[in-house]
């Protein structure tokens, strides 16, 4: 079983690779899976949106391709028993 340190090293390598891709292609928008909390930031003209952890309202988003607007999508709430 991998250790926490090995997982962290792999995660850091992947983040560096992704940063190199973003730097090379200069997209207007980057959206990525969860880092245990949702956030949005802009740096050097690039908007980055991180989604929240699973089963939360900000874990899923809708991307409007015509405007590149990212809209948070609310999860459907279960109906209370009748």
Protein backbone atom coordinates (compact mmCIF):
# COMPACT_ATOMS: atom_id res chain seq x y z
CA UNK A 1 0.00 0.00 0.00
CA UNK A 2 1.42 3.43 -0.93
CA UNK A 3 2.47 5.68 1.88
CA UNK A 4 1.18 9.21 2.43
CA UNK A 5 4.60 10.57 1.45
CA UNK A 6 4.61 8.63 -1.84
CA UNK A 7 1.07 9.84 -2.62
CA UNK A 8 2.10 13.42 -1.86
CA UNK A 9 5.17 13.17 -4.12
CA UNK A 10 3.04 11.81 -6.98
CA UNK A 11 0.44 14.52 -6.43
CA UNK A 12 3.12 17.23 -6.48
CA UNK A 13 4.56 15.81 -9.73
CA UNK A 14 1.12 15.84 -11.36
CA UNK A 15 0.49 19.44 -10.22
CA UNK A 16 3.84 20.52 -11.72
CA UNK A 17 3.02 18.81 -15.03
CA UNK A 18 -0.40 20.46 -15.17
CA UNK A 19 1.15 23.85 -14.38
CA UNK A 20 3.56 23.36 -17.30
CA UNK A 21 0.66 22.58 -19.64
CA UNK A 22 -1.28 25.66 -18.49
CA UNK A 23 1.81 27.82 -18.90
CA UNK A 24 2.45 26.46 -22.40
CA UNK A 25 -1.07 26.86 -23.80
CA UNK A 26 -2.33 29.89 -21.79
CA UNK A 27 -6.01 28.91 -21.59
CA UNK A 28 -8.63 31.40 -20.44
CA UNK A 29 -10.17 28.86 -18.04
CA UNK A 30 -8.97 25.86 -16.06
CA UNK A 31 -11.46 23.73 -14.12
CA UNK A 32 -10.30 20.82 -12.00
CA UNK A 33 -11.63 18.23 -9.60
CA UNK A 34 -11.82 18.69 -5.89
CA UNK A 35 -9.17 19.80 -3.44
CA UNK A 36 -11.64 19.33 -0.58
CA UNK A 37 -12.98 22.87 -0.98
CA UNK A 38 -14.27 24.96 -3.86
CA UNK A 39 -12.44 28.06 -4.97
CA UNK A 40 -12.03 30.41 -7.91
CA UNK A 41 -9.04 32.60 -8.66
CA UNK A 42 -7.54 34.57 -11.52
CA UNK A 43 -3.83 34.91 -12.26
CA UNK A 44 -2.15 36.24 -15.39
CA UNK A 45 -5.53 36.36 -17.16
CA UNK A 46 -6.29 32.69 -16.46
CA UNK A 47 -9.34 31.87 -14.34
CA UNK A 48 -8.99 28.67 -12.31
CA UNK A 49 -12.00 27.03 -10.68
CA UNK A 50 -11.55 24.14 -8.29
CA UNK A 51 -14.58 22.02 -7.52
CA UNK A 52 -15.57 21.01 -3.99
CA UNK A 53 -15.41 17.49 -2.57
CA UNK A 54 -17.94 14.84 -3.56
CA UNK A 55 -21.61 15.10 -2.56
CA UNK A 56 -21.58 18.86 -2.00
CA UNK A 57 -23.33 21.58 -3.98
CA UNK A 58 -20.11 22.93 -5.48
CA UNK A 59 -18.74 19.53 -6.55
CA UNK A 60 -20.47 19.76 -9.95
CA UNK A 61 -20.58 22.69 -12.35
CA UNK A 62 -22.04 23.58 -15.73
CA UNK A 63 -19.72 25.12 -18.31
CA UNK A 64 -21.41 27.48 -20.78
CA UNK A 65 -19.26 27.07 -23.88
CA UNK A 66 -20.36 30.31 -25.51
CA UNK A 67 -19.23 32.48 -22.57
CA UNK A 68 -16.89 30.14 -20.64
CA UNK A 69 -18.98 30.93 -17.56
CA UNK A 70 -18.84 28.21 -14.92
CA UNK A 71 -22.09 27.90 -13.00
CA UNK A 72 -22.28 25.95 -9.75
CA UNK A 73 -24.90 23.22 -9.98
CA UNK A 74 -26.95 22.29 -6.93
CA UNK A 75 -27.36 18.61 -6.23
CA UNK A 76 -30.96 17.41 -6.10
CA UNK A 77 -32.16 17.05 -2.53
CA UNK A 78 -33.83 13.79 -1.50
CA UNK A 79 -37.53 14.08 -0.80
CA UNK A 80 -38.55 13.65 2.82
CA UNK A 81 -40.58 10.51 3.55
CA UNK A 82 -44.34 10.98 3.14
